Amino acid sequence: GCSSTGSSDTSSSASPKATSSAAVAPAEKPGALTAQQAVA
C-alpha cells in the first residue's frame, strides 16, 4: 500500500530495527548508492 508520511510508535519488539547516526549523503546527491549498489 501507499507509504505513510505520519509517524507512529516504532518500539515494537516484533519489528527489530537499527538506525545509524553516521552521515550518509541523501539519495539525490551525486555519489549516493542506488538500491542495486547497496545490495551489492
All heavy atoms as atom14 arrays in JSON, in Angstrom:
{
  "sequence": "GCSSTGSSDTSSSASPKATSSAAVAPAEKPGALTAQQAVA",
  "atom14_mask": [
    [1, 1, 1, 1, 0, 0, 0, 0, 0, 0, 0, 0, 0, 0],
    [1, 1, 1, 1, 1, 1, 0, 0, 0, 0, 0, 0, 0, 0],
    [1, 1, 1, 1, 1, 1, 0, 0, 0, 0, 0, 0, 0, 0],
    [1, 1, 1, 1, 1, 1, 0, 0, 0, 0, 0, 0, 0, 0],
    [1, 1, 1, 1, 1, 1, 1, 0, 0, 0, 0, 0, 0, 0],
    [1, 1, 1, 1, 0, 0, 0, 0, 0, 0, 0, 0, 0, 0],
    [1, 1, 1, 1, 1, 1, 0, 0, 0, 0, 0, 0, 0, 0],
    [1, 1, 1, 1, 1, 1, 0, 0, 0, 0, 0, 0, 0, 0],
    [1, 1, 1, 1, 1, 1, 1, 1, 0, 0, 0, 0, 0, 0],
    [1, 1, 1, 1, 1, 1, 1, 0, 0, 0, 0, 0, 0, 0],
    [1, 1, 1, 1, 1, 1, 0, 0, 0, 0, 0, 0, 0, 0],
    [1, 1, 1, 1, 1, 1, 0, 0, 0, 0, 0, 0, 0, 0],
    [1, 1, 1, 1, 1, 1, 0, 0, 0, 0, 0, 0, 0, 0],
    [1, 1, 1, 1, 1, 0, 0, 0, 0, 0, 0, 0, 0, 0],
    [1, 1, 1, 1, 1, 1, 0, 0, 0, 0, 0, 0, 0, 0],
    [1, 1, 1, 1, 1, 1, 1, 0, 0, 0, 0, 0, 0, 0],
    [1, 1, 1, 1, 1, 1, 1, 1, 1, 0, 0, 0, 0, 0],
    [1, 1, 1, 1, 1, 0, 0, 0, 0, 0, 0, 0, 0, 0],
    [1, 1, 1, 1, 1, 1, 1, 0, 0, 0, 0, 0, 0, 0],
    [1, 1, 1, 1, 1, 1, 0, 0, 0, 0, 0, 0, 0, 0],
    [1, 1, 1, 1, 1, 1, 0, 0, 0, 0, 0, 0, 0, 0],
    [1, 1, 1, 1, 1, 0, 0, 0, 0, 0, 0, 0, 0, 0],
    [1, 1, 1, 1, 1, 0, 0, 0, 0, 0, 0, 0, 0, 0],
    [1, 1, 1, 1, 1, 1, 1, 0, 0, 0, 0, 0, 0, 0],
    [1, 1, 1, 1, 1, 0, 0, 0, 0, 0, 0, 0, 0, 0],
    [1, 1, 1, 1, 1, 1, 1, 0, 0, 0, 0, 0, 0, 0],
    [1, 1, 1, 1, 1, 0, 0, 0, 0, 0, 0, 0, 0, 0],
    [1, 1, 1, 1, 1, 1, 1, 1, 1, 0, 0, 0, 0, 0],
    [1, 1, 1, 1, 1, 1, 1, 1, 1, 0, 0, 0, 0, 0],
    [1, 1, 1, 1, 1, 1, 1, 0, 0, 0, 0, 0, 0, 0],
    [1, 1, 1, 1, 0, 0, 0, 0, 0, 0, 0, 0, 0, 0],
    [1, 1, 1, 1, 1, 0, 0, 0, 0, 0, 0, 0, 0, 0],
    [1, 1, 1, 1, 1, 1, 1, 1, 0, 0, 0, 0, 0, 0],
    [1, 1, 1, 1, 1, 1, 1, 0, 0, 0, 0, 0, 0, 0],
    [1, 1, 1, 1, 1, 0, 0, 0, 0, 0, 0, 0, 0, 0],
    [1, 1, 1, 1, 1, 1, 1, 1, 1, 0, 0, 0, 0, 0],
    [1, 1, 1, 1, 1, 1, 1, 1, 1, 0, 0, 0, 0, 0],
    [1, 1, 1, 1, 1, 0, 0, 0, 0, 0, 0, 0, 0, 0],
    [1, 1, 1, 1, 1, 1, 1, 0, 0, 0, 0, 0, 0, 0],
    [1, 1, 1, 1, 1, 0, 0, 0, 0, 0, 0, 0, 0, 0]
  ],
  "atom14_positions": [
    [[0.8, -1.21, 0.0], [0.0, 0.0, 0.0], [0.84, 1.26, 0.0], [2.05, 1.23, 0.0], [0.0, 0.0, 0.0], [0.0, 0.0, 0.0], [0.0, 0.0, 0.0], [0.0, 0.0, 0.0], [0.0, 0.0, 0.0], [0.0, 0.0, 0.0], [0.0, 0.0, 0.0], [0.0, 0.0, 0.0], [0.0, 0.0, 0.0], [0.0, 0.0, 0.0]],
    [[0.17, 2.38, -0.01], [0.84, 3.68, -0.06], [1.7, 3.88, 1.18], [1.4, 3.36, 2.24], [-0.19, 4.8, -0.13], [-1.23, 4.69, -1.57], [0.0, 0.0, 0.0], [0.0, 0.0, 0.0], [0.0, 0.0, 0.0], [0.0, 0.0, 0.0], [0.0, 0.0, 0.0], [0.0, 0.0, 0.0], [0.0, 0.0, 0.0], [0.0, 0.0, 0.0]],
    [[2.75, 4.68, 1.04], [3.58, 4.96, 2.2], [2.92, 6.02, 3.05], [2.16, 6.84, 2.56], [4.98, 5.42, 1.77], [4.92, 6.7, 1.22], [0.0, 0.0, 0.0], [0.0, 0.0, 0.0], [0.0, 0.0, 0.0], [0.0, 0.0, 0.0], [0.0, 0.0, 0.0], [0.0, 0.0, 0.0], [0.0, 0.0, 0.0], [0.0, 0.0, 0.0]],
    [[3.21, 5.99, 4.32], [2.66, 6.94, 5.26], [3.65, 8.07, 5.49], [4.83, 7.85, 5.55], [2.38, 6.23, 6.58], [2.08, 7.14, 7.58], [0.0, 0.0, 0.0], [0.0, 0.0, 0.0], [0.0, 0.0, 0.0], [0.0, 0.0, 0.0], [0.0, 0.0, 0.0], [0.0, 0.0, 0.0], [0.0, 0.0, 0.0], [0.0, 0.0, 0.0]],
    [[3.14, 9.27, 5.64], [4.02, 10.37, 5.97], [3.91, 10.75, 7.43], [4.64, 11.58, 7.91], [3.71, 11.62, 5.1], [2.34, 11.96, 5.28], [4.0, 11.34, 3.64], [0.0, 0.0, 0.0], [0.0, 0.0, 0.0], [0.0, 0.0, 0.0], [0.0, 0.0, 0.0], [0.0, 0.0, 0.0], [0.0, 0.0, 0.0], [0.0, 0.0, 0.0]],
    [[2.99, 10.1, 8.13], [2.87, 10.35, 9.56], [3.86, 9.51, 10.33], [4.59, 8.72, 9.78], [0.0, 0.0, 0.0], [0.0, 0.0, 0.0], [0.0, 0.0, 0.0], [0.0, 0.0, 0.0], [0.0, 0.0, 0.0], [0.0, 0.0, 0.0], [0.0, 0.0, 0.0], [0.0, 0.0, 0.0], [0.0, 0.0, 0.0], [0.0, 0.0, 0.0]],
    [[3.87, 9.68, 11.64], [4.78, 8.88, 12.44], [3.96, 8.02, 13.38], [2.81, 8.29, 13.65], [5.74, 9.77, 13.22], [5.02, 10.55, 14.14], [0.0, 0.0, 0.0], [0.0, 0.0, 0.0], [0.0, 0.0, 0.0], [0.0, 0.0, 0.0], [0.0, 0.0, 0.0], [0.0, 0.0, 0.0], [0.0, 0.0, 0.0], [0.0, 0.0, 0.0]],
    [[4.58, 6.96, 13.86], [3.92, 6.06, 14.79], [4.96, 5.53, 15.75], [6.15, 5.66, 15.54], [3.26, 4.92, 14.03], [4.24, 4.15, 13.37], [0.0, 0.0, 0.0], [0.0, 0.0, 0.0], [0.0, 0.0, 0.0], [0.0, 0.0, 0.0], [0.0, 0.0, 0.0], [0.0, 0.0, 0.0], [0.0, 0.0, 0.0], [0.0, 0.0, 0.0]],
    [[4.5, 4.87, 16.79], [5.39, 4.28, 17.77], [6.1, 3.1, 17.12], [5.45, 2.2, 16.62], [4.57, 3.82, 18.97], [5.42, 3.11, 20.0], [6.65, 3.21, 19.95], [4.83, 2.47, 20.88], [0.0, 0.0, 0.0], [0.0, 0.0, 0.0], [0.0, 0.0, 0.0], [0.0, 0.0, 0.0], [0.0, 0.0, 0.0], [0.0, 0.0, 0.0]],
    [[7.4, 3.11, 17.11], [8.16, 2.03, 16.47], [8.92, 1.21, 17.5], [9.88, 0.56, 17.17], [9.16, 2.62, 15.45], [10.06, 3.47, 16.15], [8.46, 3.36, 14.35], [0.0, 0.0, 0.0], [0.0, 0.0, 0.0], [0.0, 0.0, 0.0], [0.0, 0.0, 0.0], [0.0, 0.0, 0.0], [0.0, 0.0, 0.0], [0.0, 0.0, 0.0]],
    [[8.45, 1.2, 18.72], [9.17, 0.49, 19.76], [8.79, -0.98, 19.83], [9.19, -1.67, 20.73], [8.93, 1.16, 21.11], [7.56, 1.16, 21.41], [0.0, 0.0, 0.0], [0.0, 0.0, 0.0], [0.0, 0.0, 0.0], [0.0, 0.0, 0.0], [0.0, 0.0, 0.0], [0.0, 0.0, 0.0], [0.0, 0.0, 0.0], [0.0, 0.0, 0.0]],
    [[8.0, -1.47, 18.89], [7.56, -2.86, 18.9], [8.74, -3.81, 18.84], [9.59, -3.71, 17.99], [6.64, -3.1, 17.69], [6.39, -4.47, 17.55], [0.0, 0.0, 0.0], [0.0, 0.0, 0.0], [0.0, 0.0, 0.0], [0.0, 0.0, 0.0], [0.0, 0.0, 0.0], [0.0, 0.0, 0.0], [0.0, 0.0, 0.0], [0.0, 0.0, 0.0]],
    [[8.75, -4.77, 19.74], [9.82, -5.76, 19.71], [9.62, -6.74, 18.57], [10.53, -7.48, 18.24], [9.88, -6.5, 21.05], [8.66, -7.18, 21.27], [0.0, 0.0, 0.0], [0.0, 0.0, 0.0], [0.0, 0.0, 0.0], [0.0, 0.0, 0.0], [0.0, 0.0, 0.0], [0.0, 0.0, 0.0], [0.0, 0.0, 0.0], [0.0, 0.0, 0.0]],
    [[8.44, -6.75, 17.95], [8.19, -7.65, 16.83], [8.89, -7.18, 15.56], [9.0, -7.92, 14.62], [6.69, -7.76, 16.57], [0.0, 0.0, 0.0], [0.0, 0.0, 0.0], [0.0, 0.0, 0.0], [0.0, 0.0, 0.0], [0.0, 0.0, 0.0], [0.0, 0.0, 0.0], [0.0, 0.0, 0.0], [0.0, 0.0, 0.0], [0.0, 0.0, 0.0]],
    [[9.32, -5.95, 15.51], [9.96, -5.41, 14.32], [11.3, -4.79, 14.69], [11.42, -3.57, 14.79], [9.07, -4.34, 13.67], [7.87, -4.9, 13.25], [0.0, 0.0, 0.0], [0.0, 0.0, 0.0], [0.0, 0.0, 0.0], [0.0, 0.0, 0.0], [0.0, 0.0, 0.0], [0.0, 0.0, 0.0], [0.0, 0.0, 0.0], [0.0, 0.0, 0.0]],
    [[12.32, -5.61, 14.89], [13.63, -5.05, 15.25], [14.14, -4.13, 14.15], [13.9, -4.36, 12.99], [14.53, -6.28, 15.38], [13.66, -7.47, 15.28], [12.34, -7.05, 14.77], [0.0, 0.0, 0.0], [0.0, 0.0, 0.0], [0.0, 0.0, 0.0], [0.0, 0.0, 0.0], [0.0, 0.0, 0.0], [0.0, 0.0, 0.0], [0.0, 0.0, 0.0]],
    [[14.85, -3.09, 14.55], [15.43, -2.2, 13.57], [16.63, -1.52, 14.18], [16.83, -1.54, 15.38], [14.41, -1.15, 13.1], [14.05, -0.15, 14.19], [13.15, 0.91, 13.67], [12.89, 1.88, 14.81], [12.09, 2.97, 14.47], [0.0, 0.0, 0.0], [0.0, 0.0, 0.0], [0.0, 0.0, 0.0], [0.0, 0.0, 0.0], [0.0, 0.0, 0.0]],
    [[17.41, -0.95, 13.33], [18.57, -0.21, 13.79], [18.72, 1.02, 12.91], [18.38, 0.99, 11.75], [19.83, -1.06, 13.69], [0.0, 0.0, 0.0], [0.0, 0.0, 0.0], [0.0, 0.0, 0.0], [0.0, 0.0, 0.0], [0.0, 0.0, 0.0], [0.0, 0.0, 0.0], [0.0, 0.0, 0.0], [0.0, 0.0, 0.0], [0.0, 0.0, 0.0]],
    [[19.16, 2.08, 13.5], [19.44, 3.27, 12.71], [20.89, 3.63, 12.94], [21.46, 3.35, 13.98], [18.53, 4.45, 13.1], [18.7, 4.71, 14.48], [17.07, 4.15, 12.79], [0.0, 0.0, 0.0], [0.0, 0.0, 0.0], [0.0, 0.0, 0.0], [0.0, 0.0, 0.0], [0.0, 0.0, 0.0], [0.0, 0.0, 0.0], [0.0, 0.0, 0.0]],
    [[21.45, 4.25, 11.97], [22.85, 4.65, 12.08], [22.92, 6.15, 12.17], [22.23, 6.86, 11.46], [23.62, 4.17, 10.85], [24.91, 4.73, 10.85], [0.0, 0.0, 0.0], [0.0, 0.0, 0.0], [0.0, 0.0, 0.0], [0.0, 0.0, 0.0], [0.0, 0.0, 0.0], [0.0, 0.0, 0.0], [0.0, 0.0, 0.0], [0.0, 0.0, 0.0]],
    [[23.75, 6.64, 13.04], [23.92, 8.08, 13.16], [24.99, 8.58, 12.21], [25.23, 9.77, 12.12], [24.26, 8.46, 14.6], [25.46, 7.8, 14.98], [0.0, 0.0, 0.0], [0.0, 0.0, 0.0], [0.0, 0.0, 0.0], [0.0, 0.0, 0.0], [0.0, 0.0, 0.0], [0.0, 0.0, 0.0], [0.0, 0.0, 0.0], [0.0, 0.0, 0.0]],
    [[25.64, 7.67, 11.49], [26.68, 8.07, 10.55], [26.06, 8.88, 9.42], [24.99, 8.56, 8.93], [27.37, 6.83, 9.97], [0.0, 0.0, 0.0], [0.0, 0.0, 0.0], [0.0, 0.0, 0.0], [0.0, 0.0, 0.0], [0.0, 0.0, 0.0], [0.0, 0.0, 0.0], [0.0, 0.0, 0.0], [0.0, 0.0, 0.0], [0.0, 0.0, 0.0]],
    [[26.71, 9.94, 9.05], [26.19, 10.79, 7.98], [26.37, 10.08, 6.64], [27.46, 9.66, 6.29], [26.92, 12.12, 7.96], [0.0, 0.0, 0.0], [0.0, 0.0, 0.0], [0.0, 0.0, 0.0], [0.0, 0.0, 0.0], [0.0, 0.0, 0.0], [0.0, 0.0, 0.0], [0.0, 0.0, 0.0], [0.0, 0.0, 0.0], [0.0, 0.0, 0.0]],
    [[25.26, 9.94, 5.93], [25.28, 9.35, 4.6], [24.57, 10.34, 3.68], [23.53, 10.89, 4.03], [24.54, 7.99, 4.58], [24.42, 7.47, 3.17], [25.29, 6.99, 5.44], [0.0, 0.0, 0.0], [0.0, 0.0, 0.0], [0.0, 0.0, 0.0], [0.0, 0.0, 0.0], [0.0, 0.0, 0.0], [0.0, 0.0, 0.0], [0.0, 0.0, 0.0]],
    [[25.1, 10.55, 2.52], [24.52, 11.5, 1.59], [23.12, 11.06, 1.18], [22.89, 9.89, 0.94], [25.4, 11.61, 0.34], [0.0, 0.0, 0.0], [0.0, 0.0, 0.0], [0.0, 0.0, 0.0], [0.0, 0.0, 0.0], [0.0, 0.0, 0.0], [0.0, 0.0, 0.0], [0.0, 0.0, 0.0], [0.0, 0.0, 0.0], [0.0, 0.0, 0.0]],
    [[22.15, 11.98, 1.12], [20.83, 11.64, 0.63], [20.92, 11.11, -0.8], [21.84, 11.4, -1.53], [20.06, 12.96, 0.68], [20.8, 13.79, 1.68], [22.24, 13.37, 1.56], [0.0, 0.0, 0.0], [0.0, 0.0, 0.0], [0.0, 0.0, 0.0], [0.0, 0.0, 0.0], [0.0, 0.0, 0.0], [0.0, 0.0, 0.0], [0.0, 0.0, 0.0]],
    [[19.9, 10.34, -1.19], [19.92, 9.64, -2.47], [20.03, 10.58, -3.67], [20.53, 10.18, -4.7], [18.66, 8.79, -2.59], [0.0, 0.0, 0.0], [0.0, 0.0, 0.0], [0.0, 0.0, 0.0], [0.0, 0.0, 0.0], [0.0, 0.0, 0.0], [0.0, 0.0, 0.0], [0.0, 0.0, 0.0], [0.0, 0.0, 0.0], [0.0, 0.0, 0.0]],
    [[19.55, 11.82, -3.56], [19.58, 12.69, -4.74], [20.95, 13.31, -4.99], [21.18, 13.91, -6.02], [18.5, 13.78, -4.65], [18.8, 14.93, -3.71], [18.39, 14.69, -2.27], [17.99, 13.58, -1.92], [18.46, 15.64, -1.47], [0.0, 0.0, 0.0], [0.0, 0.0, 0.0], [0.0, 0.0, 0.0], [0.0, 0.0, 0.0], [0.0, 0.0, 0.0]],
    [[21.88, 13.16, -4.08], [23.2, 13.75, -4.25], [24.11, 12.83, -5.04], [24.01, 11.6, -4.93], [23.83, 14.04, -2.88], [23.09, 15.14, -2.14], [23.83, 15.58, -0.92], [23.06, 16.71, -0.26], [23.7, 17.14, 0.96], [0.0, 0.0, 0.0], [0.0, 0.0, 0.0], [0.0, 0.0, 0.0], [0.0, 0.0, 0.0], [0.0, 0.0, 0.0]],
    [[25.01, 13.4, -5.83], [25.95, 12.56, -6.58], [26.74, 11.66, -5.63], [27.11, 12.05, -4.54], [26.87, 13.58, -7.26], [26.11, 14.86, -7.25], [25.21, 14.81, -6.05], [0.0, 0.0, 0.0], [0.0, 0.0, 0.0], [0.0, 0.0, 0.0], [0.0, 0.0, 0.0], [0.0, 0.0, 0.0], [0.0, 0.0, 0.0], [0.0, 0.0, 0.0]],
    [[26.98, 10.43, -6.07], [27.74, 9.5, -5.26], [26.9, 8.66, -4.32], [27.39, 7.72, -3.72], [0.0, 0.0, 0.0], [0.0, 0.0, 0.0], [0.0, 0.0, 0.0], [0.0, 0.0, 0.0], [0.0, 0.0, 0.0], [0.0, 0.0, 0.0], [0.0, 0.0, 0.0], [0.0, 0.0, 0.0], [0.0, 0.0, 0.0], [0.0, 0.0, 0.0]],
    [[25.6, 9.01, -4.16], [24.73, 8.21, -3.3], [24.48, 6.86, -3.96], [24.44, 6.74, -5.18], [23.41, 8.94, -3.07], [0.0, 0.0, 0.0], [0.0, 0.0, 0.0], [0.0, 0.0, 0.0], [0.0, 0.0, 0.0], [0.0, 0.0, 0.0], [0.0, 0.0, 0.0], [0.0, 0.0, 0.0], [0.0, 0.0, 0.0], [0.0, 0.0, 0.0]],
    [[24.3, 5.83, -3.15], [24.08, 4.49, -3.67], [22.67, 4.31, -4.2], [21.71, 4.84, -3.64], [24.3, 3.46, -2.56], [25.7, 3.31, -1.99], [25.69, 2.3, -0.84], [26.68, 2.9, -3.05], [0.0, 0.0, 0.0], [0.0, 0.0, 0.0], [0.0, 0.0, 0.0], [0.0, 0.0, 0.0], [0.0, 0.0, 0.0], [0.0, 0.0, 0.0]],
    [[22.54, 3.52, -5.25], [21.23, 3.04, -5.68], [20.94, 1.78, -4.87], [21.83, 1.22, -4.22], [21.22, 2.69, -7.18], [22.1, 1.58, -7.39], [21.63, 3.87, -8.04], [0.0, 0.0, 0.0], [0.0, 0.0, 0.0], [0.0, 0.0, 0.0], [0.0, 0.0, 0.0], [0.0, 0.0, 0.0], [0.0, 0.0, 0.0], [0.0, 0.0, 0.0]],
    [[19.71, 1.3, -4.93], [19.36, 0.08, -4.22], [20.19, -1.1, -4.73], [20.67, -1.93, -3.94], [17.87, -0.2, -4.37], [0.0, 0.0, 0.0], [0.0, 0.0, 0.0], [0.0, 0.0, 0.0], [0.0, 0.0, 0.0], [0.0, 0.0, 0.0], [0.0, 0.0, 0.0], [0.0, 0.0, 0.0], [0.0, 0.0, 0.0], [0.0, 0.0, 0.0]],
    [[20.4, -1.18, -6.04], [21.19, -2.27, -6.6], [22.63, -2.21, -6.08], [23.21, -3.24, -5.72], [21.17, -2.2, -8.12], [21.92, -3.34, -8.78], [21.8, -3.33, -10.3], [21.21, -2.44, -10.89], [22.37, -4.34, -10.92], [0.0, 0.0, 0.0], [0.0, 0.0, 0.0], [0.0, 0.0, 0.0], [0.0, 0.0, 0.0], [0.0, 0.0, 0.0]],
    [[23.2, -1.02, -6.01], [24.56, -0.88, -5.48], [24.62, -1.22, -3.99], [25.59, -1.82, -3.52], [25.06, 0.55, -5.71], [25.29, 0.88, -7.17], [25.48, 2.38, -7.39], [24.94, 3.21, -6.67], [26.26, 2.72, -8.42], [0.0, 0.0, 0.0], [0.0, 0.0, 0.0], [0.0, 0.0, 0.0], [0.0, 0.0, 0.0], [0.0, 0.0, 0.0]],
    [[23.58, -0.85, -3.25], [23.54, -1.17, -1.82], [23.45, -2.67, -1.6], [24.12, -3.22, -0.72], [22.36, -0.46, -1.15], [0.0, 0.0, 0.0], [0.0, 0.0, 0.0], [0.0, 0.0, 0.0], [0.0, 0.0, 0.0], [0.0, 0.0, 0.0], [0.0, 0.0, 0.0], [0.0, 0.0, 0.0], [0.0, 0.0, 0.0], [0.0, 0.0, 0.0]],
    [[22.66, -3.37, -2.43], [22.58, -4.83, -2.32], [23.95, -5.44, -2.62], [24.4, -6.35, -1.91], [21.49, -5.4, -3.25], [21.6, -6.92, -3.36], [20.1, -5.01, -2.76], [0.0, 0.0, 0.0], [0.0, 0.0, 0.0], [0.0, 0.0, 0.0], [0.0, 0.0, 0.0], [0.0, 0.0, 0.0], [0.0, 0.0, 0.0], [0.0, 0.0, 0.0]],
    [[24.63, -4.93, -3.65], [25.97, -5.44, -3.97], [26.93, -5.21, -2.8], [27.74, -6.09, -2.47], [26.5, -4.77, -5.23], [0.0, 0.0, 0.0], [0.0, 0.0, 0.0], [0.0, 0.0, 0.0], [0.0, 0.0, 0.0], [0.0, 0.0, 0.0], [0.0, 0.0, 0.0], [0.0, 0.0, 0.0], [0.0, 0.0, 0.0], [0.0, 0.0, 0.0]]
  ]
}
